[in-house]
Amino acid sequence: MRLAVGMGLFRGAGTLLSIFPRSLAAAASARSQALVYERHGEPVQVLQLKDLERAELGHSGVHVKMLAAPINPADINMIQGTYAILSDLPAVGGNEGVGQVVEVGSHVTSMKPGDWVIPADAGLGTWRTSAVFSEETLVKVPRDIPLLSAATLSVNPCTAYRMLTDFETLAPGDSIIQNAANSGVGQAVIQIAAALGLKTINVIRDRPNLQEVVDRLKSLGADHVITEEMLRKPGMKDLFKKVPKPRLALNCVGGKSTTEMLRHIQHKGTMVTYGGMAKQPVTVPVSAFIFKDVKLCGFWMTQWKKEQTQNKDRFTGMILTLCNLIHKGQLTAPACTEVPLKDYRIALEASMKPFISTKQILIM
């Protein structure tokens, strides 16, 4: 049985796991721990922390000690069996994270021991203490960025960057509007947009700690933070006396939230949908098409990465651009809660609660 692309086989505790050939330094243990699921279902019920035997290094393997890995909605959906791509079972959970290279095979040229690496694509299985991966499944990142920034770099900031740069040609002073603004992507959008000189109108759900969330987003550079209820009120006209109507809308919710954002978008503007938290369809008034000629697009970071198979430099270039923003203090990790790997159940339960504004990070 095989895991996700680039993961190879694993063996241990009655299951399969790890990859490519060859033992590590004599002092290093040949075993690791991983969160494994052998069937789809609710993560707390189907995930098990297992001891696994690591495979040998071989010529093109890279032994990586995982340092930290977040729990993202896509990770949960993959384990539940509801995501667009699913790993062959049994599988190790987690699609994102950062690790440190321990040893490399004789044919590996792009990285060396001590380097920090992140997954080049989804499906690597990052919720584990260590593994041997193939060189092409990893991308090197600078070691002088904060650990949590590195651990959360390859999904949310990349999604935010691509949506801000690929769909509309925006100039400093232009505005964008987004819902789910307190999500990981939303927080990255706020910061990258600010670095580009763009104004952001950020929509969030009303909640008990609303002012706390508003203050947090404004500290990241948000220009305006409003609730979905405020989005529907006539007072929005006053807001657009301060900023131009947005040319770009970013939708992660669906349902009424989408329809309301479309009311405020500029003529010939674009809405990009990258999620559907409300689990409701995107409803578009006919007038938005006829009288405003808006464009509706979708975006999925995993698909974008697949399309860059022959142009990996474009992905690594984007990573370096984002790391440059991190170095300048213009891009930080989302609000995070660090949880030891052994307490994964606590992290999983917290990640699935409503109105969660912090990302759960498994620390290895």
Protein backbone atom coordinates (compact mmCIF):
# COMPACT_ATOMS: atom_id res chain seq x y z
CA MET A 1 0.00 0.00 0.00
CA ARG A 2 1.18 3.53 -0.74
CA LEU A 3 0.73 6.84 0.97
CA ALA A 4 0.50 10.19 -0.77
CA VAL A 5 2.74 11.14 -3.68
CA GLY A 6 6.40 11.16 -2.69
CA MET A 7 5.84 9.44 0.64
CA GLY A 8 6.84 5.91 -0.25
CA LEU A 9 6.03 3.01 2.06
CA PHE A 10 6.04 2.81 5.82
CA ARG A 11 6.29 -0.10 8.18
CA GLY A 12 5.55 -0.49 11.88
CA ALA A 13 2.90 -1.51 14.42
CA GLY A 14 1.12 -3.64 11.85
CA THR A 15 1.05 -0.90 9.22
CA LEU A 16 3.27 0.45 6.48
CA LEU A 17 5.38 3.70 6.54
CA SER A 18 8.49 5.86 5.68
CA ILE A 19 10.48 6.08 2.45
CA PHE A 20 13.57 5.56 0.37
CA PRO A 21 16.62 3.71 1.55
CA ARG A 22 19.39 3.80 4.15
CA SER A 23 20.11 4.21 7.81
CA LEU A 24 21.02 7.42 9.57
CA ALA A 25 23.87 8.34 11.81
CA ALA A 26 24.62 5.56 14.25
CA ALA A 27 23.38 7.57 17.22
CA ALA A 28 20.03 8.36 15.61
CA SER A 29 17.04 6.14 16.24
CA ALA A 30 15.68 4.32 13.20
CA ARG A 31 12.15 4.77 14.46
CA SER A 32 9.79 7.71 14.58
CA GLN A 33 6.29 8.54 15.74
CA ALA A 34 3.46 9.55 13.43
CA LEU A 35 -0.27 10.24 13.49
CA VAL A 36 -1.63 7.51 11.24
CA TYR A 37 -5.17 6.85 10.02
CA GLU A 38 -6.18 3.58 8.38
CA ARG A 39 -9.74 4.61 7.52
CA HIS A 40 -11.59 7.85 6.95
CA GLY A 41 -13.65 9.40 9.71
CA GLU A 42 -13.54 12.02 12.43
CA PRO A 43 -9.86 12.75 13.15
CA VAL A 44 -10.09 12.26 16.92
CA GLN A 45 -11.56 8.80 16.32
CA VAL A 46 -9.39 7.49 13.49
CA LEU A 47 -5.95 8.99 14.15
CA GLN A 48 -3.48 6.97 16.20
CA LEU A 49 0.02 7.92 17.36
CA LYS A 50 2.18 5.02 16.23
CA ASP A 51 5.84 4.06 16.32
CA LEU A 52 7.09 3.61 12.77
CA GLU A 53 10.25 2.23 11.29
CA ARG A 54 12.01 4.71 9.07
CA ALA A 55 13.21 3.56 5.66
CA GLU A 56 16.79 3.79 4.45
CA LEU A 57 18.25 6.94 2.93
CA GLY A 58 19.38 5.75 -0.48
CA HIS A 59 20.83 8.02 -3.17
CA SER A 60 18.02 10.59 -3.38
CA GLY A 61 16.47 10.47 0.06
CA VAL A 62 16.49 13.26 2.62
CA HIS A 63 16.17 12.42 6.31
CA VAL A 64 14.11 15.18 7.90
CA LYS A 65 13.43 15.77 11.57
CA MET A 66 10.04 17.49 11.70
CA LEU A 67 9.94 20.55 13.95
CA ALA A 68 6.37 21.86 13.75
CA ALA A 69 3.25 21.25 11.67
CA PRO A 70 -0.12 23.05 11.72
CA ILE A 71 -3.63 21.62 11.60
CA ASN A 72 -5.45 23.14 8.62
CA PRO A 73 -9.08 22.63 7.50
CA ALA A 74 -7.85 20.68 4.46
CA ASP A 75 -6.02 18.25 6.78
CA ILE A 76 -9.26 17.59 8.64
CA ASN A 77 -11.22 17.14 5.41
CA MET A 78 -8.67 14.68 4.01
CA ILE A 79 -8.93 12.52 7.12
CA GLN A 80 -12.73 12.72 6.97
CA GLY A 81 -12.57 11.62 3.32
CA THR A 82 -14.34 14.73 2.00
CA TYR A 83 -11.44 16.58 0.33
CA ALA A 84 -10.77 16.79 -3.41
CA ILE A 85 -7.58 14.73 -3.06
CA LEU A 86 -7.18 11.80 -0.71
CA SER A 87 -4.10 9.81 0.29
CA ASP A 88 -4.08 6.06 -0.14
CA LEU A 89 -4.60 4.36 3.19
CA PRO A 90 -2.99 3.92 5.61
CA ALA A 91 -1.72 7.52 5.63
CA VAL A 92 0.05 9.99 7.88
CA GLY A 93 -1.92 13.19 8.55
CA GLY A 94 -0.76 16.70 7.78
CA ASN A 95 0.11 18.57 4.59
CA GLU A 96 2.19 21.45 5.91
CA GLY A 97 5.07 22.02 8.31
CA VAL A 98 8.78 22.63 8.64
CA GLY A 99 11.59 20.21 9.35
CA GLN A 100 15.36 20.18 9.62
CA VAL A 101 17.54 18.07 7.35
CA VAL A 102 19.55 15.47 9.29
CA GLU A 103 21.22 13.60 6.43
CA VAL A 104 21.02 13.49 2.63
CA GLY A 105 21.64 10.82 0.01
CA SER A 106 24.68 10.92 -2.25
CA HIS A 107 22.70 12.28 -5.24
CA VAL A 108 21.00 15.11 -3.31
CA THR A 109 22.30 18.53 -4.40
CA SER A 110 19.69 21.12 -3.36
CA MET A 111 19.94 20.73 0.42
CA LYS A 112 22.35 19.72 3.16
CA PRO A 113 22.22 18.76 6.86
CA GLY A 114 21.00 21.64 9.00
CA ASP A 115 18.78 23.18 6.29
CA TRP A 116 15.13 23.88 6.99
CA VAL A 117 12.66 22.42 4.49
CA ILE A 118 8.93 22.57 3.83
CA PRO A 119 6.71 20.35 1.62
CA ALA A 120 6.64 21.19 -2.07
CA ASP A 121 3.07 19.89 -2.36
CA ALA A 122 0.20 18.40 -0.38
CA GLY A 123 0.09 14.83 0.85
CA LEU A 124 3.56 14.49 2.40
CA GLY A 125 2.27 13.50 5.84
CA THR A 126 3.85 16.05 8.18
CA TRP A 127 2.36 14.99 11.51
CA ARG A 128 5.36 12.88 12.52
CA THR A 129 8.66 13.25 14.29
CA SER A 130 10.87 12.31 11.34
CA ALA A 131 10.93 10.56 7.97
CA VAL A 132 12.96 10.05 4.82
CA PHE A 133 11.48 12.01 1.90
CA SER A 134 12.57 12.26 -1.71
CA GLU A 135 14.44 15.44 -2.62
CA GLU A 136 11.85 16.67 -5.12
CA THR A 137 9.09 16.70 -2.50
CA LEU A 138 10.87 19.36 -0.41
CA VAL A 139 11.73 23.06 -0.73
CA LYS A 140 14.48 24.74 1.29
CA VAL A 141 13.61 27.87 3.31
CA PRO A 142 15.84 30.27 5.26
CA ARG A 143 16.64 29.18 8.80
CA ASP A 144 16.52 32.73 10.12
CA ILE A 145 12.75 33.12 9.91
CA PRO A 146 10.60 32.32 12.97
CA LEU A 147 9.70 28.66 13.39
CA LEU A 148 5.93 29.26 13.31
CA SER A 149 6.26 31.39 10.15
CA ALA A 150 8.13 28.55 8.44
CA ALA A 151 5.65 25.93 9.65
CA THR A 152 2.68 27.87 8.21
CA LEU A 153 4.33 29.20 5.05
CA SER A 154 3.40 26.83 2.24
CA VAL A 155 -0.42 27.04 2.30
CA ASN A 156 -2.07 30.21 3.61
CA PRO A 157 0.49 32.89 2.69
CA CYS A 158 0.97 31.31 -0.74
CA THR A 159 -2.79 31.25 -1.32
CA ALA A 160 -3.06 34.89 -0.25
CA TYR A 161 -0.15 35.98 -2.46
CA ARG A 162 -1.43 34.25 -5.58
CA MET A 163 -4.96 35.61 -5.20
CA LEU A 164 -3.67 39.15 -4.72
CA THR A 165 -1.37 39.01 -7.74
CA ASP A 166 -2.91 36.65 -10.33
CA PHE A 167 -6.48 37.86 -10.86
CA GLU A 168 -6.42 41.68 -10.97
CA THR A 169 -3.65 44.17 -11.66
CA LEU A 170 -3.83 46.18 -8.47
CA ALA A 171 -1.96 49.38 -7.69
CA PRO A 172 -1.20 51.09 -4.38
CA GLY A 173 -4.37 52.75 -3.12
CA ASP A 174 -6.69 50.15 -4.66
CA SER A 175 -8.89 48.20 -2.25
CA ILE A 176 -9.89 44.58 -1.84
CA ILE A 177 -12.65 43.01 0.25
CA GLN A 178 -12.54 39.59 1.88
CA ASN A 179 -14.66 37.48 4.21
CA ALA A 180 -13.25 35.04 6.80
CA ALA A 181 -10.69 37.77 7.39
CA ASN A 182 -9.56 36.23 10.69
CA SER A 183 -8.62 32.92 9.03
CA GLY A 184 -5.03 32.01 8.28
CA VAL A 185 -5.41 33.12 4.67
CA GLY A 186 -7.28 36.25 5.75
CA GLN A 187 -4.50 37.31 8.09
CA ALA A 188 -1.91 36.75 5.36
CA VAL A 189 -4.02 38.74 2.86
CA ILE A 190 -4.13 41.70 5.26
CA GLN A 191 -0.36 41.76 5.70
CA ILE A 192 0.64 41.14 2.07
CA ALA A 193 -1.91 43.69 0.87
CA ALA A 194 -0.52 46.28 3.30
CA ALA A 195 3.00 45.57 2.02
CA LEU A 196 1.71 46.19 -1.54
CA GLY A 197 0.01 49.45 -0.52
CA LEU A 198 -3.51 48.05 -0.93
CA LYS A 199 -6.46 48.89 1.32
CA THR A 200 -8.39 46.00 2.87
CA ILE A 201 -12.04 45.73 3.91
CA ASN A 202 -12.24 42.70 6.16
CA VAL A 203 -15.49 40.89 6.95
CA ILE A 204 -15.82 38.61 9.97
CA ARG A 205 -18.68 36.95 11.81
CA ASP A 206 -20.01 38.58 14.96
CA ARG A 207 -18.74 36.79 18.06
CA PRO A 208 -18.39 37.20 21.84
CA ASN A 209 -14.78 38.47 21.58
CA LEU A 210 -15.42 40.67 18.54
CA GLN A 211 -13.35 43.66 19.68
CA GLU A 212 -10.39 41.41 20.46
CA VAL A 213 -10.45 40.02 16.92
CA VAL A 214 -10.90 43.49 15.40
CA ASP A 215 -7.90 44.79 17.35
CA ARG A 216 -5.82 41.79 16.29
CA LEU A 217 -6.58 42.28 12.59
CA LYS A 218 -5.94 46.02 12.76
CA SER A 219 -2.59 45.34 14.41
CA LEU A 220 -1.73 43.32 11.30
CA GLY A 221 -2.56 46.25 9.04
CA ALA A 222 -6.29 45.86 8.35
CA ASP A 223 -7.81 49.16 7.23
CA HIS A 224 -11.45 48.32 7.98
CA VAL A 225 -12.93 45.39 9.90
CA ILE A 226 -16.71 44.88 9.75
CA THR A 227 -19.17 42.14 10.61
CA GLU A 228 -21.33 40.35 8.05
CA GLU A 229 -24.33 42.22 9.52
CA MET A 230 -22.63 45.57 8.91
CA LEU A 231 -21.91 44.50 5.33
CA ARG A 232 -25.67 44.49 4.66
CA LYS A 233 -26.38 47.95 6.07
CA PRO A 234 -26.70 51.26 4.15
CA GLY A 235 -23.80 52.62 6.21
CA MET A 236 -21.41 50.88 3.80
CA LYS A 237 -21.85 53.94 1.57
CA ASP A 238 -19.96 56.00 4.16
CA LEU A 239 -17.08 53.53 4.15
CA PHE A 240 -16.66 53.95 0.39
CA LYS A 241 -16.17 57.68 0.89
CA LYS A 242 -12.88 56.71 2.58
CA VAL A 243 -11.69 53.95 0.26
CA PRO A 244 -12.51 53.11 -3.36
CA LYS A 245 -14.88 50.27 -4.07
CA PRO A 246 -12.90 47.03 -4.29
CA ARG A 247 -11.78 45.59 -7.61
CA LEU A 248 -11.07 42.22 -6.01
CA ALA A 249 -13.16 40.18 -3.57
CA LEU A 250 -11.86 37.04 -1.86
CA ASN A 251 -14.51 34.55 -0.76
CA CYS A 252 -13.94 31.70 1.69
CA VAL A 253 -17.49 31.47 3.03
CA GLY A 254 -20.21 31.24 0.36
CA GLY A 255 -23.92 31.84 0.91
CA LYS A 256 -25.21 35.29 1.86
CA SER A 257 -21.74 36.60 2.67
CA THR A 258 -20.74 36.15 -0.97
CA THR A 259 -23.86 37.83 -2.31
CA GLU A 260 -23.37 40.85 -0.04
CA MET A 261 -19.72 41.29 -1.04
CA LEU A 262 -20.70 41.23 -4.71
CA ARG A 263 -22.98 44.21 -4.13
CA HIS A 264 -19.96 46.36 -3.29
CA ILE A 265 -17.48 45.23 -5.92
CA GLN A 266 -16.43 47.59 -8.72
CA HIS A 267 -17.70 47.37 -12.30
CA LYS A 268 -15.77 44.56 -14.07
CA GLY A 269 -14.31 43.49 -10.73
CA THR A 270 -13.35 39.93 -9.82
CA MET A 271 -14.41 37.59 -7.05
CA VAL A 272 -12.14 34.66 -6.27
CA THR A 273 -13.60 31.77 -4.25
CA TYR A 274 -11.11 29.58 -2.42
CA GLY A 275 -13.28 28.03 0.29
CA GLY A 276 -16.84 27.37 1.42
CA MET A 277 -16.98 27.53 5.19
CA ALA A 278 -20.76 28.10 5.24
CA LYS A 279 -21.25 24.97 3.12
CA GLN A 280 -23.71 26.98 1.02
CA PRO A 281 -23.55 27.70 -2.71
CA VAL A 282 -22.23 30.94 -4.16
CA THR A 283 -25.37 32.85 -5.14
CA VAL A 284 -24.86 35.61 -7.71
CA PRO A 285 -27.56 38.15 -8.62
CA VAL A 286 -28.16 38.34 -12.35
CA SER A 287 -27.58 42.10 -12.14
CA ALA A 288 -23.98 41.49 -11.05
CA PHE A 289 -23.31 39.76 -14.36
CA ILE A 290 -25.37 41.99 -16.64
CA PHE A 291 -24.85 45.47 -15.21
CA LYS A 292 -21.50 45.08 -13.45
CA ASP A 293 -19.89 42.43 -15.66
CA VAL A 294 -18.15 40.86 -12.68
CA LYS A 295 -15.89 37.84 -13.09
CA LEU A 296 -16.16 34.84 -10.79
CA CYS A 297 -13.12 32.58 -10.45
CA GLY A 298 -11.96 29.76 -8.24
CA PHE A 299 -8.53 29.12 -6.74
CA TRP A 300 -6.95 26.05 -5.17
CA MET A 301 -3.30 26.23 -4.13
CA THR A 302 -2.78 22.50 -4.64
CA GLN A 303 -3.90 22.79 -8.27
CA TRP A 304 -1.64 25.81 -8.82
CA LYS A 305 1.33 23.81 -7.54
CA LYS A 306 0.49 20.91 -9.85
CA GLU A 307 0.49 23.30 -12.79
CA GLN A 308 4.03 24.40 -11.86
CA THR A 309 5.45 20.87 -12.12
CA GLN A 310 7.78 21.95 -14.94
CA ASN A 311 8.45 25.34 -13.36
CA LYS A 312 9.39 24.70 -9.72
CA ASP A 313 11.39 27.94 -9.74
CA ARG A 314 8.12 29.88 -9.76
CA PHE A 315 7.07 28.26 -6.50
CA THR A 316 10.48 28.67 -4.85
CA GLY A 317 10.56 32.28 -6.07
CA MET A 318 7.24 32.96 -4.36
CA ILE A 319 8.52 31.34 -1.15
CA LEU A 320 11.59 33.60 -1.20
CA THR A 321 9.37 36.66 -1.80
CA LEU A 322 7.25 35.74 1.22
CA CYS A 323 10.35 35.07 3.31
CA ASN A 324 11.61 38.53 2.37
CA LEU A 325 8.38 40.00 3.75
CA ILE A 326 8.91 37.96 6.92
CA HIS A 327 12.46 39.31 7.24
CA LYS A 328 11.10 42.86 6.92
CA GLY A 329 8.50 42.25 9.62
CA GLN A 330 5.68 42.66 7.09
CA LEU A 331 4.40 39.08 7.33
CA THR A 332 4.00 37.14 10.55
CA ALA A 333 2.52 33.75 11.35
CA PRO A 334 -1.17 33.71 12.25
CA ALA A 335 -2.09 33.60 15.91
CA CYS A 336 -0.99 30.10 16.96
CA THR A 337 -1.38 27.69 19.85
CA GLU A 338 1.54 25.28 20.19
CA VAL A 339 0.63 21.75 21.27
CA PRO A 340 3.02 18.80 21.82
CA LEU A 341 2.48 15.96 19.34
CA LYS A 342 1.44 13.59 22.15
CA ASP A 343 -1.48 15.93 22.96
CA TYR A 344 -2.78 15.86 19.38
CA ARG A 345 -6.36 15.12 20.49
CA ILE A 346 -6.52 18.44 22.34
CA ALA A 347 -5.25 20.25 19.24
CA LEU A 348 -7.69 18.49 16.92
CA GLU A 349 -10.69 19.27 19.13
CA ALA A 350 -9.64 22.92 19.45
CA SER A 351 -9.15 23.28 15.70
CA MET A 352 -12.74 22.20 15.02
CA LYS A 353 -14.45 24.56 17.49
CA PRO A 354 -16.44 27.53 16.14
CA PHE A 355 -14.99 31.05 16.24
CA ILE A 356 -11.44 29.78 16.62
CA SER A 357 -8.97 32.55 15.76
CA THR A 358 -5.76 30.66 16.51
CA LYS A 359 -4.12 27.93 14.47
CA GLN A 360 -3.17 24.74 16.30
CA ILE A 361 0.50 23.83 15.74
CA LEU A 362 1.81 20.36 16.57
CA ILE A 363 5.32 20.69 18.06
CA MET A 364 7.56 17.69 17.55
